[in-house]
Amino acid sequence: MRRLLLYGILCGILLALSACTDDKVYKIGVSQCSQDDWRMKMNDEINREIMFHEDAVVEIRSADDSNEKQIEDIKYFVDNDFDIIIVSPNEAAALTPIIKDVYEKGIPVVIFDRNINGDTYTARIGVDNEGLGRSAAHYAQHLLGNKATAIEIFGLKGSTPAEGRHEGFVKEFEGKGGKLVASVPGNWNKEDAMPAVDSLLRSHPEINLIYAHNDRMAIGASEVA
């Protein structure tokens, strides 16, 4: 999924630049919502790819999970005349207004991975997060049957991947007879997930499944269990 998403981003960049016929060097701003192994690998591959294109430069900024910092990063790209801005929004509600404002100024905006509320962007590259949730539920019930009981370690509240992975899982899991007894945010981090899982396992010793929204939280949950 990571590699497909990266290639989609790079294709979006190149398509945006393909119509250019003069000698201008185009400035591409990438606003990452967070900084982790996956995103650092993505950044490395973006930087490596841009080396093959003399007519473009890229600057990548990380918001470190802060809506306020990401808004400032996007404003920085606008104020410094970047030609295209690529954004993975930290939280949809908080980032929608600034992205809408940039788009309405006529600056191309590509949304990737996470989404905003509405469609005020030039293009979006993402995955079916509800489908991922349904697949997780289907696999859980294949292992445990239709009477499984689960706790959920949620991603970041307000982020569209977490909302989609939750909704898809609940619809499929509870629709087939499973029971989700509790859901707590782990904010995509192992460090946040571990105490949450520890508390939930003490409160709900009857559960036989932990559903985590990403690998790092799942690893933390496994270690606690």
C-alpha atoms as a PDB file:
ATOM      1  CA  MET A   1       0.000   0.000   0.000  1.00  0.00           C
ATOM      2  CA  ARG A   2       2.833   2.381   0.910  1.00  0.00           C
ATOM      3  CA  ARG A   3       4.587   1.915  -2.429  1.00  0.00           C
ATOM      4  CA  LEU A   4       1.385   2.319  -4.439  1.00  0.00           C
ATOM      5  CA  LEU A   5       0.583   5.502  -2.550  1.00  0.00           C
ATOM      6  CA  LEU A   6       4.080   6.866  -3.148  1.00  0.00           C
ATOM      7  CA  TYR A   7       3.949   6.107  -6.857  1.00  0.00           C
ATOM      8  CA  GLY A   8       0.571   7.794  -7.035  1.00  0.00           C
ATOM      9  CA  ILE A   9       2.003  10.919  -5.422  1.00  0.00           C
ATOM     10  CA  LEU A  10       4.970  10.975  -7.792  1.00  0.00           C
ATOM     11  CA  CYS A  11       2.703  10.466 -10.808  1.00  0.00           C
ATOM     12  CA  GLY A  12       0.541  13.345  -9.598  1.00  0.00           C
ATOM     13  CA  ILE A  13       3.601  15.575  -9.363  1.00  0.00           C
ATOM     14  CA  LEU A  14       4.846  14.627 -12.804  1.00  0.00           C
ATOM     15  CA  LEU A  15       1.435  15.054 -14.421  1.00  0.00           C
ATOM     16  CA  ALA A  16       1.136  18.487 -12.863  1.00  0.00           C
ATOM     17  CA  LEU A  17       4.485  19.422 -14.348  1.00  0.00           C
ATOM     18  CA  SER A  18       4.047  17.734 -17.724  1.00  0.00           C
ATOM     19  CA  ALA A  19       2.194  20.689 -19.206  1.00  0.00           C
ATOM     20  CA  CYS A  20       5.098  23.032 -18.455  1.00  0.00           C
ATOM     21  CA  THR A  21       7.092  24.104 -21.508  1.00  0.00           C
ATOM     22  CA  ASP A  22       9.333  26.924 -20.226  1.00  0.00           C
ATOM     23  CA  ASP A  23      12.581  26.772 -18.241  1.00  0.00           C
ATOM     24  CA  LYS A  24      11.089  27.602 -14.864  1.00  0.00           C
ATOM     25  CA  VAL A  25      12.089  25.457 -11.898  1.00  0.00           C
ATOM     26  CA  TYR A  26       8.865  24.450 -10.169  1.00  0.00           C
ATOM     27  CA  LYS A  27       8.652  24.390  -6.383  1.00  0.00           C
ATOM     28  CA  ILE A  28       6.757  21.492  -4.781  1.00  0.00           C
ATOM     29  CA  GLY A  29       5.805  21.671  -1.119  1.00  0.00           C
ATOM     30  CA  VAL A  30       4.962  18.456   0.755  1.00  0.00           C
ATOM     31  CA  SER A  31       3.196  18.800   4.118  1.00  0.00           C
ATOM     32  CA  GLN A  32       3.392  15.583   6.126  1.00  0.00           C
ATOM     33  CA  CYS A  33       1.089  15.380   9.135  1.00  0.00           C
ATOM     34  CA  SER A  34       3.488  13.203  11.101  1.00  0.00           C
ATOM     35  CA  GLN A  35       6.978  11.740  11.195  1.00  0.00           C
ATOM     36  CA  ASP A  36       7.388   7.990  11.507  1.00  0.00           C
ATOM     37  CA  ASP A  37       9.201   5.138   9.753  1.00  0.00           C
ATOM     38  CA  TRP A  38       6.628   4.914   6.980  1.00  0.00           C
ATOM     39  CA  ARG A  39       6.597   8.634   6.227  1.00  0.00           C
ATOM     40  CA  MET A  40      10.387   8.989   6.459  1.00  0.00           C
ATOM     41  CA  LYS A  41      10.722   6.175   3.902  1.00  0.00           C
ATOM     42  CA  MET A  42       8.203   7.953   1.693  1.00  0.00           C
ATOM     43  CA  ASN A  43      10.159  11.208   2.044  1.00  0.00           C
ATOM     44  CA  ASP A  44      13.402   9.448   1.102  1.00  0.00           C
ATOM     45  CA  GLU A  45      11.823   8.066  -2.061  1.00  0.00           C
ATOM     46  CA  ILE A  46      10.296  11.429  -3.015  1.00  0.00           C
ATOM     47  CA  ASN A  47      13.698  13.104  -2.588  1.00  0.00           C
ATOM     48  CA  ARG A  48      15.384  10.392  -4.631  1.00  0.00           C
ATOM     49  CA  GLU A  49      12.842  10.652  -7.450  1.00  0.00           C
ATOM     50  CA  ILE A  50      13.006  14.449  -7.664  1.00  0.00           C
ATOM     51  CA  MET A  51      16.740  14.185  -8.449  1.00  0.00           C
ATOM     52  CA  PHE A  52      15.778  12.964 -11.934  1.00  0.00           C
ATOM     53  CA  HIS A  53      13.842  16.160 -12.711  1.00  0.00           C
ATOM     54  CA  GLU A  54      15.909  19.285 -13.228  1.00  0.00           C
ATOM     55  CA  ASP A  55      12.797  21.416 -13.672  1.00  0.00           C
ATOM     56  CA  ALA A  56      11.511  20.835 -10.121  1.00  0.00           C
ATOM     57  CA  VAL A  57      12.598  21.021  -6.490  1.00  0.00           C
ATOM     58  CA  VAL A  58      10.781  19.701  -3.428  1.00  0.00           C
ATOM     59  CA  GLU A  59      10.648  20.779   0.215  1.00  0.00           C
ATOM     60  CA  ILE A  60       9.107  18.448   2.796  1.00  0.00           C
ATOM     61  CA  ARG A  61       7.843  19.642   6.173  1.00  0.00           C
ATOM     62  CA  SER A  62       6.457  17.558   9.038  1.00  0.00           C
ATOM     63  CA  ALA A  63       3.735  18.865  11.339  1.00  0.00           C
ATOM     64  CA  ASP A  64       4.629  16.335  14.069  1.00  0.00           C
ATOM     65  CA  ASP A  65       0.925  15.557  14.672  1.00  0.00           C
ATOM     66  CA  SER A  66       0.051  19.232  15.250  1.00  0.00           C
ATOM     67  CA  ASN A  67      -2.840  20.856  13.371  1.00  0.00           C
ATOM     68  CA  GLU A  68      -1.466  24.307  14.168  1.00  0.00           C
ATOM     69  CA  LYS A  69       2.002  23.519  12.840  1.00  0.00           C
ATOM     70  CA  GLN A  70       0.603  21.973   9.678  1.00  0.00           C
ATOM     71  CA  ILE A  71      -1.499  25.071   9.017  1.00  0.00           C
ATOM     72  CA  GLU A  72       1.638  27.194   9.422  1.00  0.00           C
ATOM     73  CA  ASP A  73       3.580  24.881   7.092  1.00  0.00           C
ATOM     74  CA  ILE A  74       0.918  25.260   4.400  1.00  0.00           C
ATOM     75  CA  LYS A  75       0.933  29.046   4.842  1.00  0.00           C
ATOM     76  CA  TYR A  76       4.720  28.960   4.475  1.00  0.00           C
ATOM     77  CA  PHE A  77       4.386  27.220   1.106  1.00  0.00           C
ATOM     78  CA  VAL A  78       1.828  29.794  -0.048  1.00  0.00           C
ATOM     79  CA  ASP A  79       3.854  32.776   1.180  1.00  0.00           C
ATOM     80  CA  ASN A  80       6.972  31.473  -0.577  1.00  0.00           C
ATOM     81  CA  ASP A  81       5.266  30.977  -3.942  1.00  0.00           C
ATOM     82  CA  PHE A  82       5.314  27.203  -4.187  1.00  0.00           C
ATOM     83  CA  ASP A  83       3.690  26.018  -7.403  1.00  0.00           C
ATOM     84  CA  ILE A  84       1.966  22.909  -6.039  1.00  0.00           C
ATOM     85  CA  ILE A  85       1.249  21.812  -2.470  1.00  0.00           C
ATOM     86  CA  ILE A  86       0.848  18.171  -1.462  1.00  0.00           C
ATOM     87  CA  VAL A  87      -0.781  17.518   1.929  1.00  0.00           C
ATOM     88  CA  SER A  88      -1.553  14.603   4.222  1.00  0.00           C
ATOM     89  CA  PRO A  89      -4.006  16.369   6.579  1.00  0.00           C
ATOM     90  CA  ASN A  90      -3.522  15.639  10.282  1.00  0.00           C
ATOM     91  CA  GLU A  91      -7.227  16.054  11.158  1.00  0.00           C
ATOM     92  CA  ALA A  92      -9.902  16.660   8.558  1.00  0.00           C
ATOM     93  CA  ALA A  93     -11.964  19.326  10.338  1.00  0.00           C
ATOM     94  CA  ALA A  94      -8.973  21.415  11.356  1.00  0.00           C
ATOM     95  CA  LEU A  95      -7.195  21.352   7.980  1.00  0.00           C
ATOM     96  CA  THR A  96     -10.188  21.711   5.654  1.00  0.00           C
ATOM     97  CA  PRO A  97     -10.433  25.543   5.862  1.00  0.00           C
ATOM     98  CA  ILE A  98      -6.776  26.265   5.037  1.00  0.00           C
ATOM     99  CA  ILE A  99      -6.705  23.716   2.213  1.00  0.00           C
ATOM    100  CA  LYS A 100      -9.950  25.137   0.817  1.00  0.00           C
ATOM    101  CA  ASP A 101      -8.451  28.652   0.960  1.00  0.00           C
ATOM    102  CA  VAL A 102      -5.285  27.561  -0.871  1.00  0.00           C
ATOM    103  CA  TYR A 103      -7.270  25.705  -3.523  1.00  0.00           C
ATOM    104  CA  GLU A 104      -9.525  28.706  -4.114  1.00  0.00           C
ATOM    105  CA  LYS A 105      -6.440  30.902  -4.601  1.00  0.00           C
ATOM    106  CA  GLY A 106      -5.720  28.788  -7.678  1.00  0.00           C
ATOM    107  CA  ILE A 107      -2.781  26.848  -6.247  1.00  0.00           C
ATOM    108  CA  PRO A 108      -2.946  23.132  -7.134  1.00  0.00           C
ATOM    109  CA  VAL A 109      -3.421  21.002  -3.998  1.00  0.00           C
ATOM    110  CA  VAL A 110      -2.970  17.231  -3.939  1.00  0.00           C
ATOM    111  CA  ILE A 111      -4.328  15.377  -0.889  1.00  0.00           C
ATOM    112  CA  PHE A 112      -2.746  12.030  -0.067  1.00  0.00           C
ATOM    113  CA  ASP A 113      -3.299   9.291   2.490  1.00  0.00           C
ATOM    114  CA  ARG A 114      -5.677  11.225   4.789  1.00  0.00           C
ATOM    115  CA  ASN A 115      -8.603  13.306   3.557  1.00  0.00           C
ATOM    116  CA  ILE A 116     -10.434  16.565   4.298  1.00  0.00           C
ATOM    117  CA  ASN A 117     -14.143  17.363   4.537  1.00  0.00           C
ATOM    118  CA  GLY A 118     -15.421  18.139   1.073  1.00  0.00           C
ATOM    119  CA  ASP A 119     -13.691  18.196  -2.297  1.00  0.00           C
ATOM    120  CA  THR A 120     -11.835  21.519  -2.430  1.00  0.00           C
ATOM    121  CA  TYR A 121      -8.607  20.059  -3.807  1.00  0.00           C
ATOM    122  CA  THR A 122      -7.137  19.348  -7.210  1.00  0.00           C
ATOM    123  CA  ALA A 123      -6.622  15.605  -6.756  1.00  0.00           C
ATOM    124  CA  ARG A 124      -6.584  12.969  -4.029  1.00  0.00           C
ATOM    125  CA  ILE A 125      -4.529   9.792  -3.708  1.00  0.00           C
ATOM    126  CA  GLY A 126      -5.723   7.410  -1.005  1.00  0.00           C
ATOM    127  CA  VAL A 127      -7.010   3.973  -0.104  1.00  0.00           C
ATOM    128  CA  ASP A 128     -10.344   2.453   0.911  1.00  0.00           C
ATOM    129  CA  ASN A 129     -10.026   2.606   4.696  1.00  0.00           C
ATOM    130  CA  GLU A 130     -13.536   1.262   5.278  1.00  0.00           C
ATOM    131  CA  GLY A 131     -12.582  -1.672   3.091  1.00  0.00           C
ATOM    132  CA  LEU A 132      -9.502  -2.258   5.243  1.00  0.00           C
ATOM    133  CA  GLY A 133     -11.710  -2.305   8.338  1.00  0.00           C
ATOM    134  CA  ARG A 134     -14.089  -4.784   6.744  1.00  0.00           C
ATOM    135  CA  SER A 135     -11.187  -7.008   5.741  1.00  0.00           C
ATOM    136  CA  ALA A 136      -9.826  -6.973   9.298  1.00  0.00           C
ATOM    137  CA  ALA A 137     -13.236  -7.969  10.669  1.00  0.00           C
ATOM    138  CA  HIS A 138     -13.638 -10.706   8.085  1.00  0.00           C
ATOM    139  CA  TYR A 139     -10.226 -12.150   8.950  1.00  0.00           C
ATOM    140  CA  ALA A 140     -10.908 -11.933  12.704  1.00  0.00           C
ATOM    141  CA  GLN A 141     -14.135 -13.872  12.311  1.00  0.00           C
ATOM    142  CA  HIS A 142     -12.406 -16.425  10.102  1.00  0.00           C
ATOM    143  CA  LEU A 143     -10.024 -17.068  13.020  1.00  0.00           C
ATOM    144  CA  LEU A 144     -12.476 -16.812  15.926  1.00  0.00           C
ATOM    145  CA  GLY A 145     -15.976 -17.384  14.593  1.00  0.00           C
ATOM    146  CA  ASN A 146     -18.967 -15.049  14.689  1.00  0.00           C
ATOM    147  CA  LYS A 147     -19.134 -14.673  18.485  1.00  0.00           C
ATOM    148  CA  ALA A 148     -15.763 -13.000  18.963  1.00  0.00           C
ATOM    149  CA  THR A 149     -15.425 -10.107  21.440  1.00  0.00           C
ATOM    150  CA  ALA A 150     -12.942  -7.336  20.745  1.00  0.00           C
ATOM    151  CA  ILE A 151     -11.365  -4.121  21.945  1.00  0.00           C
ATOM    152  CA  GLU A 152     -10.241  -1.530  19.440  1.00  0.00           C
ATOM    153  CA  ILE A 153      -7.124   0.634  19.510  1.00  0.00           C
ATOM    154  CA  PHE A 154      -8.187   3.616  17.436  1.00  0.00           C
ATOM    155  CA  GLY A 155      -5.818   5.787  15.402  1.00  0.00           C
ATOM    156  CA  LEU A 156      -6.019   9.563  15.788  1.00  0.00           C
ATOM    157  CA  LYS A 157      -9.489  10.924  16.509  1.00  0.00           C
ATOM    158  CA  GLY A 158     -10.526  13.185  13.663  1.00  0.00           C
ATOM    159  CA  SER A 159      -8.251  11.569  11.073  1.00  0.00           C
ATOM    160  CA  THR A 160     -10.102  10.062   8.140  1.00  0.00           C
ATOM    161  CA  PRO A 161      -8.143   6.760   7.984  1.00  0.00           C
ATOM    162  CA  ALA A 162      -9.016   6.010  11.620  1.00  0.00           C
ATOM    163  CA  GLU A 163     -12.680   6.878  11.112  1.00  0.00           C
ATOM    164  CA  GLY A 164     -12.875   4.678   8.015  1.00  0.00           C
ATOM    165  CA  ARG A 165     -11.075   1.722   9.596  1.00  0.00           C
ATOM    166  CA  HIS A 166     -13.391   1.930  12.596  1.00  0.00           C
ATOM    167  CA  GLU A 167     -16.608   2.190  10.612  1.00  0.00           C
ATOM    168  CA  GLY A 168     -15.724  -0.631   8.228  1.00  0.00           C
ATOM    169  CA  PHE A 169     -14.705  -2.936  11.070  1.00  0.00           C
ATOM    170  CA  VAL A 170     -17.766  -2.289  13.221  1.00  0.00           C
ATOM    171  CA  LYS A 171     -20.227  -2.781  10.357  1.00  0.00           C
ATOM    172  CA  GLU A 172     -18.703  -6.099   9.347  1.00  0.00           C
ATOM    173  CA  PHE A 173     -17.774  -7.396  12.808  1.00  0.00           C
ATOM    174  CA  GLU A 174     -20.988  -6.619  14.665  1.00  0.00           C
ATOM    175  CA  GLY A 175     -23.109  -7.317  11.606  1.00  0.00           C
ATOM    176  CA  LYS A 176     -21.873 -10.922  11.694  1.00  0.00           C
ATOM    177  CA  GLY A 177     -22.391 -11.433  15.434  1.00  0.00           C
ATOM    178  CA  GLY A 178     -19.171 -10.083  16.935  1.00  0.00           C
ATOM    179  CA  LYS A 179     -19.112  -7.608  19.821  1.00  0.00           C
ATOM    180  CA  LEU A 180     -16.861  -4.571  20.198  1.00  0.00           C
ATOM    181  CA  VAL A 181     -16.769  -3.889  23.939  1.00  0.00           C
ATOM    182  CA  ALA A 182     -14.483  -0.816  24.015  1.00  0.00           C
ATOM    183  CA  SER A 183     -12.545   1.565  21.771  1.00  0.00           C
ATOM    184  CA  VAL A 184      -9.741   3.885  22.869  1.00  0.00           C
ATOM    185  CA  PRO A 185      -7.400   6.165  20.895  1.00  0.00           C
ATOM    186  CA  GLY A 186      -3.788   5.108  20.480  1.00  0.00           C
ATOM    187  CA  ASN A 187      -2.905   8.058  18.214  1.00  0.00           C
ATOM    188  CA  TRP A 188      -1.051   5.722  15.823  1.00  0.00           C
ATOM    189  CA  ASN A 189       1.752   5.344  18.420  1.00  0.00           C
ATOM    190  CA  LYS A 190       3.036   2.296  20.268  1.00  0.00           C
ATOM    191  CA  GLU A 191       3.732   4.409  23.360  1.00  0.00           C
ATOM    192  CA  ASP A 192       0.125   5.642  23.582  1.00  0.00           C
ATOM    193  CA  ALA A 193      -1.377   2.251  22.771  1.00  0.00           C
ATOM    194  CA  MET A 194       0.388   0.239  25.460  1.00  0.00           C
ATOM    195  CA  PRO A 195      -1.137   1.826  28.614  1.00  0.00           C
ATOM    196  CA  ALA A 196      -4.546   1.941  26.916  1.00  0.00           C
ATOM    197  CA  VAL A 197      -4.393  -1.774  26.141  1.00  0.00           C
ATOM    198  CA  ASP A 198      -3.163  -2.598  29.631  1.00  0.00           C
ATOM    199  CA  SER A 199      -6.140  -0.791  31.162  1.00  0.00           C
ATOM    200  CA  LEU A 200      -8.672  -2.361  28.793  1.00  0.00           C
ATOM    201  CA  LEU A 201      -7.388  -5.894  29.307  1.00  0.00           C
ATOM    202  CA  ARG A 202      -7.778  -5.493  33.068  1.00  0.00           C
ATOM    203  CA  SER A 203     -11.337  -4.185  32.601  1.00  0.00           C
ATOM    204  CA  HIS A 204     -12.334  -6.716  29.928  1.00  0.00           C
ATOM    205  CA  PRO A 205     -10.526 -10.028  30.538  1.00  0.00           C
ATOM    206  CA  GLU A 206     -13.225 -11.802  28.504  1.00  0.00           C
ATOM    207  CA  ILE A 207     -12.130 -10.383  25.130  1.00  0.00           C
ATOM    208  CA  ASN A 208     -10.373 -12.612  22.624  1.00  0.00           C
ATOM    209  CA  LEU A 209      -9.362 -10.058  19.986  1.00  0.00           C
ATOM    210  CA  ILE A 210      -7.492  -6.741  19.876  1.00  0.00           C
ATOM    211  CA  TYR A 211      -8.106  -4.732  16.702  1.00  0.00           C
ATOM    212  CA  ALA A 212      -5.451  -2.037  16.176  1.00  0.00           C
ATOM    213  CA  HIS A 213      -5.520   0.483  13.335  1.00  0.00           C
ATOM    214  CA  ASN A 214      -1.810   0.222  12.480  1.00  0.00           C
ATOM    215  CA  ASP A 215       1.271  -1.921  13.007  1.00  0.00           C
ATOM    216  CA  ARG A 216       2.941   0.129  15.740  1.00  0.00           C
ATOM    217  CA  MET A 217      -0.133   0.066  17.977  1.00  0.00           C
ATOM    218  CA  ALA A 218      -0.618  -3.643  17.251  1.00  0.00           C
ATOM    219  CA  ILE A 219       2.986  -4.382  18.294  1.00  0.00           C
ATOM    220  CA  GLY A 220       2.466  -2.456  21.540  1.00  0.00           C
ATOM    221  CA  ALA A 221      -0.797  -4.293  22.196  1.00  0.00           C
ATOM    222  CA  SER A 222       0.894  -7.640  21.573  1.00  0.00           C
ATOM    223  CA  GLU A 223       3.684  -6.854  24.015  1.00  0.00           C
ATOM    224  CA  VAL A 224       1.183  -5.854  26.717  1.00  0.00           C
ATOM    225  CA  ALA A 225      -0.935  -8.948  26.131  1.00  0.00           C
END
